[in-house]
PDB file of all heavy atoms in Angstrom:
ATOM      1  N   ALA A   1     -22.251   1.051  28.535  1.00  0.00           N
ATOM      2  CA  ALA A   1     -21.373   0.593  27.411  1.00  0.00           C
ATOM      3  C   ALA A   1     -20.012   0.140  27.858  1.00  0.00           C
ATOM      4  O   ALA A   1     -19.459  -0.817  27.357  1.00  0.00           O
ATOM      5  CB  ALA A   1     -21.247   1.709  26.401  1.00  0.00           C
ATOM      6  N   GLU A   2     -19.461   0.827  28.858  1.00  0.00           N
ATOM      7  CA  GLU A   2     -18.134   0.417  29.384  1.00  0.00           C
ATOM      8  C   GLU A   2     -18.208  -0.936  30.036  1.00  0.00           C
ATOM      9  O   GLU A   2     -17.282  -1.711  29.952  1.00  0.00           O
ATOM     10  CB  GLU A   2     -17.674   1.491  30.393  1.00  0.00           C
ATOM     11  CG  GLU A   2     -17.263   2.779  29.725  1.00  0.00           C
ATOM     12  CD  GLU A   2     -16.886   3.877  30.730  1.00  0.00           C
ATOM     13  OE1 GLU A   2     -15.704   3.882  31.174  1.00  0.00           O
ATOM     14  OE2 GLU A   2     -17.786   4.646  31.157  1.00  0.00           O
ATOM     15  N   ARG A   3     -19.350  -1.211  30.691  1.00  0.00           N
ATOM     16  CA  ARG A   3     -19.485  -2.514  31.352  1.00  0.00           C
ATOM     17  C   ARG A   3     -19.855  -3.637  30.360  1.00  0.00           C
ATOM     18  O   ARG A   3     -19.294  -4.767  30.475  1.00  0.00           O
ATOM     19  CB  ARG A   3     -20.541  -2.444  32.489  1.00  0.00           C
ATOM     20  CG  ARG A   3     -20.060  -1.400  33.505  1.00  0.00           C
ATOM     21  CD  ARG A   3     -20.999  -1.240  34.734  1.00  0.00           C
ATOM     22  NE  ARG A   3     -20.686  -0.096  35.555  1.00  0.00           N
ATOM     23  CZ  ARG A   3     -19.735  -0.055  36.439  1.00  0.00           C
ATOM     24  NH1 ARG A   3     -19.072  -1.159  36.724  1.00  0.00           N
ATOM     25  NH2 ARG A   3     -19.556   1.035  37.223  1.00  0.00           N
ATOM     26  N   ARG A   4     -20.649  -3.304  29.407  1.00  0.00           N
ATOM     27  CA  ARG A   4     -21.058  -4.344  28.398  1.00  0.00           C
ATOM     28  C   ARG A   4     -20.000  -4.637  27.375  1.00  0.00           C
ATOM     29  O   ARG A   4     -19.680  -5.806  27.153  1.00  0.00           O
ATOM     30  CB  ARG A   4     -22.288  -3.863  27.668  1.00  0.00           C
ATOM     31  CG  ARG A   4     -22.737  -4.872  26.574  1.00  0.00           C
ATOM     32  CD  ARG A   4     -24.101  -4.460  26.010  1.00  0.00           C
ATOM     33  NE  ARG A   4     -24.515  -5.230  24.861  1.00  0.00           N
ATOM     34  CZ  ARG A   4     -25.086  -6.475  24.898  1.00  0.00           C
ATOM     35  NH1 ARG A   4     -25.240  -7.043  26.077  1.00  0.00           N
ATOM     36  NH2 ARG A   4     -25.396  -7.080  23.776  1.00  0.00           N
ATOM     37  N   TYR A   5     -19.323  -3.659  26.924  1.00  0.00           N
ATOM     38  CA  TYR A   5     -18.291  -3.803  25.851  1.00  0.00           C
ATOM     39  C   TYR A   5     -16.897  -3.712  26.376  1.00  0.00           C
ATOM     40  O   TYR A   5     -15.920  -4.320  25.796  1.00  0.00           O
ATOM     41  CB  TYR A   5     -18.479  -2.735  24.754  1.00  0.00           C
ATOM     42  CG  TYR A   5     -19.806  -2.918  24.059  1.00  0.00           C
ATOM     43  CD1 TYR A   5     -20.861  -2.008  24.346  1.00  0.00           C
ATOM     44  CD2 TYR A   5     -20.080  -3.921  23.229  1.00  0.00           C
ATOM     45  CE1 TYR A   5     -22.126  -2.122  23.746  1.00  0.00           C
ATOM     46  CE2 TYR A   5     -21.320  -4.059  22.561  1.00  0.00           C
ATOM     47  CZ  TYR A   5     -22.344  -3.136  22.882  1.00  0.00           C
ATOM     48  OH  TYR A   5     -23.576  -3.313  22.311  1.00  0.00           O
ATOM     49  N   GLY A   6     -16.655  -3.059  27.501  1.00  0.00           N
ATOM     50  CA  GLY A   6     -15.303  -2.891  28.043  1.00  0.00           C
ATOM     51  C   GLY A   6     -14.996  -3.763  29.182  1.00  0.00           C
ATOM     52  O   GLY A   6     -13.833  -3.718  29.690  1.00  0.00           O
ATOM     53  N   GLY A   7     -15.860  -4.655  29.522  1.00  0.00           N
ATOM     54  CA  GLY A   7     -15.615  -5.620  30.614  1.00  0.00           C
ATOM     55  C   GLY A   7     -15.393  -5.024  31.940  1.00  0.00           C
ATOM     56  O   GLY A   7     -14.800  -5.654  32.846  1.00  0.00           O
ATOM     57  N   VAL A   8     -15.880  -3.830  32.213  1.00  0.00           N
ATOM     58  CA  VAL A   8     -15.717  -3.168  33.469  1.00  0.00           C
ATOM     59  C   VAL A   8     -16.588  -3.877  34.508  1.00  0.00           C
ATOM     60  O   VAL A   8     -17.756  -4.150  34.264  1.00  0.00           O
ATOM     61  CB  VAL A   8     -16.101  -1.659  33.445  1.00  0.00           C
ATOM     62  CG1 VAL A   8     -15.941  -1.029  34.809  1.00  0.00           C
ATOM     63  CG2 VAL A   8     -15.240  -0.982  32.418  1.00  0.00           C
ATOM     64  N   LEU A   9     -16.035  -4.248  35.650  1.00  0.00           N
ATOM     65  CA  LEU A   9     -16.748  -4.979  36.646  1.00  0.00           C
ATOM     66  C   LEU A   9     -17.693  -4.086  37.398  1.00  0.00           C
ATOM     67  O   LEU A   9     -17.583  -2.886  37.449  1.00  0.00           O
ATOM     68  CB  LEU A   9     -15.788  -5.656  37.597  1.00  0.00           C
ATOM     69  CG  LEU A   9     -14.742  -6.573  37.012  1.00  0.00           C
ATOM     70  CD1 LEU A   9     -13.822  -7.192  38.073  1.00  0.00           C
ATOM     71  CD2 LEU A   9     -15.469  -7.704  36.252  1.00  0.00           C
ATOM     72  N   ASP A  10     -18.735  -4.757  38.050  1.00  0.00           N
ATOM     73  CA  ASP A  10     -19.828  -4.026  38.648  1.00  0.00           C
ATOM     74  C   ASP A  10     -19.339  -3.068  39.776  1.00  0.00           C
ATOM     75  O   ASP A  10     -20.021  -2.083  40.074  1.00  0.00           O
ATOM     76  CB  ASP A  10     -20.867  -4.978  39.134  1.00  0.00           C
ATOM     77  CG  ASP A  10     -22.235  -4.362  39.293  1.00  0.00           C
ATOM     78  OD1 ASP A  10     -22.631  -3.524  38.433  1.00  0.00           O
ATOM     79  OD2 ASP A  10     -22.923  -4.671  40.316  1.00  0.00           O
ATOM     80  N   ASP A  11     -18.244  -3.486  40.442  1.00  0.00           N
ATOM     81  CA  ASP A  11     -17.781  -2.644  41.612  1.00  0.00           C
ATOM     82  C   ASP A  11     -16.613  -1.776  41.262  1.00  0.00           C
ATOM     83  O   ASP A  11     -15.904  -1.313  42.151  1.00  0.00           O
ATOM     84  CB  ASP A  11     -17.408  -3.577  42.742  1.00  0.00           C
ATOM     85  CG  ASP A  11     -16.303  -4.577  42.425  1.00  0.00           C
ATOM     86  OD1 ASP A  11     -15.882  -4.649  41.263  1.00  0.00           O
ATOM     87  OD2 ASP A  11     -15.744  -5.149  43.363  1.00  0.00           O
ATOM     88  N   GLU A  12     -16.341  -1.529  40.003  1.00  0.00           N
ATOM     89  CA  GLU A  12     -15.176  -0.683  39.523  1.00  0.00           C
ATOM     90  C   GLU A  12     -15.631   0.676  39.183  1.00  0.00           C
ATOM     91  O   GLU A  12     -16.625   0.893  38.529  1.00  0.00           O
ATOM     92  CB  GLU A  12     -14.508  -1.359  38.393  1.00  0.00           C
ATOM     93  CG  GLU A  12     -13.738  -2.637  38.784  1.00  0.00           C
ATOM     94  CD  GLU A  12     -12.957  -3.266  37.613  1.00  0.00           C
ATOM     95  OE1 GLU A  12     -13.492  -3.168  36.491  1.00  0.00           O
ATOM     96  OE2 GLU A  12     -11.875  -3.795  37.853  1.00  0.00           O
ATOM     97  N   MET A  13     -14.747   1.581  39.562  1.00  0.00           N
ATOM     98  CA  MET A  13     -14.779   2.997  39.014  1.00  0.00           C
ATOM     99  C   MET A  13     -13.544   3.260  38.260  1.00  0.00           C
ATOM    100  O   MET A  13     -12.651   2.426  38.234  1.00  0.00           O
ATOM    101  CB  MET A  13     -14.890   3.959  40.226  1.00  0.00           C
ATOM    102  CG  MET A  13     -16.087   3.730  41.129  1.00  0.00           C
ATOM    103  SD  MET A  13     -16.149   4.875  42.524  1.00  0.00           S
ATOM    104  CE  MET A  13     -16.785   6.336  41.694  1.00  0.00           C
ATOM    105  N   LEU A  14     -13.500   4.368  37.579  1.00  0.00           N
ATOM    106  CA  LEU A  14     -12.335   4.666  36.637  1.00  0.00           C
ATOM    107  C   LEU A  14     -11.806   6.056  36.986  1.00  0.00           C
ATOM    108  O   LEU A  14     -12.517   7.013  37.064  1.00  0.00           O
ATOM    109  CB  LEU A  14     -12.757   4.608  35.234  1.00  0.00           C
ATOM    110  CG  LEU A  14     -11.731   5.006  34.144  1.00  0.00           C
ATOM    111  CD1 LEU A  14     -10.488   4.093  34.271  1.00  0.00           C
ATOM    112  CD2 LEU A  14     -12.303   4.948  32.722  1.00  0.00           C
ATOM    113  N   MET A  15     -10.517   6.078  37.217  1.00  0.00           N
ATOM    114  CA  MET A  15      -9.766   7.342  37.389  1.00  0.00           C
ATOM    115  C   MET A  15      -8.950   7.599  36.182  1.00  0.00           C
ATOM    116  O   MET A  15      -8.210   6.708  35.730  1.00  0.00           O
ATOM    117  CB  MET A  15      -8.907   7.255  38.680  1.00  0.00           C
ATOM    118  CG  MET A  15      -8.016   8.549  38.903  1.00  0.00           C
ATOM    119  SD  MET A  15      -8.908  10.036  39.278  1.00  0.00           S
ATOM    120  CE  MET A  15      -9.383   9.765  40.965  1.00  0.00           C
ATOM    121  N   ALA A  16      -8.986   8.873  35.695  1.00  0.00           N
ATOM    122  CA  ALA A  16      -8.128   9.311  34.593  1.00  0.00           C
ATOM    123  C   ALA A  16      -7.531  10.653  34.971  1.00  0.00           C
ATOM    124  O   ALA A  16      -8.247  11.534  35.485  1.00  0.00           O
ATOM    125  CB  ALA A  16      -8.917   9.431  33.309  1.00  0.00           C
ATOM    126  N   LEU A  17      -6.226  10.752  34.861  1.00  0.00           N
ATOM    127  CA  LEU A  17      -5.589  11.985  35.263  1.00  0.00           C
ATOM    128  C   LEU A  17      -4.239  12.130  34.543  1.00  0.00           C
ATOM    129  O   LEU A  17      -3.625  11.173  34.112  1.00  0.00           O
ATOM    130  CB  LEU A  17      -5.373  12.007  36.820  1.00  0.00           C
ATOM    131  CG  LEU A  17      -4.337  11.030  37.427  1.00  0.00           C
ATOM    132  CD1 LEU A  17      -4.304  11.345  38.941  1.00  0.00           C
ATOM    133  CD2 LEU A  17      -4.659   9.555  37.242  1.00  0.00           C
ATOM    134  N   PRO A  18      -3.681  13.405  34.436  1.00  0.00           N
ATOM    135  CA  PRO A  18      -2.340  13.599  33.908  1.00  0.00           C
ATOM    136  C   PRO A  18      -1.377  12.803  34.805  1.00  0.00           C
ATOM    137  O   PRO A  18      -1.497  12.775  36.034  1.00  0.00           O
ATOM    138  CB  PRO A  18      -2.179  15.102  34.045  1.00  0.00           C
ATOM    139  CG  PRO A  18      -3.561  15.656  33.992  1.00  0.00           C
ATOM    140  CD  PRO A  18      -4.394  14.663  34.714  1.00  0.00           C
ATOM    141  N   PRO A  19      -0.384  12.139  34.193  1.00  0.00           N
ATOM    142  CA  PRO A  19       0.508  11.252  35.010  1.00  0.00           C
ATOM    143  C   PRO A  19       1.310  11.934  36.035  1.00  0.00           C
ATOM    144  O   PRO A  19       1.737  11.258  36.993  1.00  0.00           O
ATOM    145  CB  PRO A  19       1.386  10.636  33.924  1.00  0.00           C
ATOM    146  CG  PRO A  19       1.313  11.596  32.747  1.00  0.00           C
ATOM    147  CD  PRO A  19      -0.044  12.169  32.772  1.00  0.00           C
ATOM    148  N   GLU A  20       1.498  13.243  36.001  1.00  0.00           N
ATOM    149  CA  GLU A  20       2.343  13.910  36.975  1.00  0.00           C
ATOM    150  C   GLU A  20       1.632  13.920  38.325  1.00  0.00           C
ATOM    151  O   GLU A  20       2.324  14.154  39.382  1.00  0.00           O
ATOM    152  CB  GLU A  20       2.617  15.360  36.579  1.00  0.00           C
ATOM    153  CG  GLU A  20       1.440  16.231  36.306  1.00  0.00           C
ATOM    154  CD  GLU A  20       1.023  16.313  34.832  1.00  0.00           C
ATOM    155  OE1 GLU A  20       1.361  15.335  34.100  1.00  0.00           O
ATOM    156  OE2 GLU A  20       0.436  17.301  34.432  1.00  0.00           O
ATOM    157  N   TYR A  21       0.367  13.565  38.395  1.00  0.00           N
ATOM    158  CA  TYR A  21      -0.329  13.483  39.704  1.00  0.00           C
ATOM    159  C   TYR A  21      -0.054  12.158  40.421  1.00  0.00           C
ATOM    160  O   TYR A  21      -0.229  12.063  41.651  1.00  0.00           O
ATOM    161  CB  TYR A  21      -1.834  13.578  39.490  1.00  0.00           C
ATOM    162  CG  TYR A  21      -2.417  14.937  39.268  1.00  0.00           C
ATOM    163  CD1 TYR A  21      -2.476  15.494  38.003  1.00  0.00           C
ATOM    164  CD2 TYR A  21      -2.818  15.766  40.293  1.00  0.00           C
ATOM    165  CE1 TYR A  21      -3.002  16.740  37.754  1.00  0.00           C
ATOM    166  CE2 TYR A  21      -3.344  16.983  40.108  1.00  0.00           C
ATOM    167  CZ  TYR A  21      -3.453  17.514  38.789  1.00  0.00           C
ATOM    168  OH  TYR A  21      -3.931  18.739  38.559  1.00  0.00           O
ATOM    169  N   LEU A  22       0.491  11.164  39.696  1.00  0.00           N
ATOM    170  CA  LEU A  22       0.637   9.837  40.313  1.00  0.00           C
ATOM    171  C   LEU A  22       1.672   9.846  41.452  1.00  0.00           C
ATOM    172  O   LEU A  22       1.408   9.280  42.542  1.00  0.00           O
ATOM    173  CB  LEU A  22       0.971   8.801  39.295  1.00  0.00           C
ATOM    174  CG  LEU A  22      -0.222   8.489  38.279  1.00  0.00           C
ATOM    175  CD1 LEU A  22       0.263   7.434  37.239  1.00  0.00           C
ATOM    176  CD2 LEU A  22      -1.383   7.950  39.007  1.00  0.00           C
ATOM    177  N   PRO A  23       2.896  10.376  41.206  1.00  0.00           N
ATOM    178  CA  PRO A  23       3.887  10.377  42.353  1.00  0.00           C
ATOM    179  C   PRO A  23       3.363  11.110  43.560  1.00  0.00           C
ATOM    180  O   PRO A  23       3.646  10.736  44.656  1.00  0.00           O
ATOM    181  CB  PRO A  23       5.078  11.085  41.748  1.00  0.00           C
ATOM    182  CG  PRO A  23       4.963  10.863  40.209  1.00  0.00           C
ATOM    183  CD  PRO A  23       3.488  10.937  39.955  1.00  0.00           C
ATOM    184  N   ARG A  24       2.624  12.213  43.358  1.00  0.00           N
ATOM    185  CA  ARG A  24       2.096  12.972  44.449  1.00  0.00           C
ATOM    186  C   ARG A  24       1.046  12.075  45.305  1.00  0.00           C
ATOM    187  O   ARG A  24       1.120  12.063  46.511  1.00  0.00           O
ATOM    188  CB  ARG A  24       1.365  14.233  43.918  1.00  0.00           C
ATOM    189  CG  ARG A  24       0.557  14.911  44.979  1.00  0.00           C
ATOM    190  CD  ARG A  24      -0.172  16.116  44.317  1.00  0.00           C
ATOM    191  NE  ARG A  24      -1.407  16.511  45.033  1.00  0.00           N
ATOM    192  CZ  ARG A  24      -2.257  17.425  44.611  1.00  0.00           C
ATOM    193  NH1 ARG A  24      -1.991  18.025  43.498  1.00  0.00           N
ATOM    194  NH2 ARG A  24      -3.289  17.711  45.294  1.00  0.00           N
TER     195      ARG A  24
END
């Protein structure tokens, strides 16, 4: 569904995380 409706490319993965991890 993510690839068909969300336009996610075949070679893409998705990371989701609380933003405080980004500077680290």
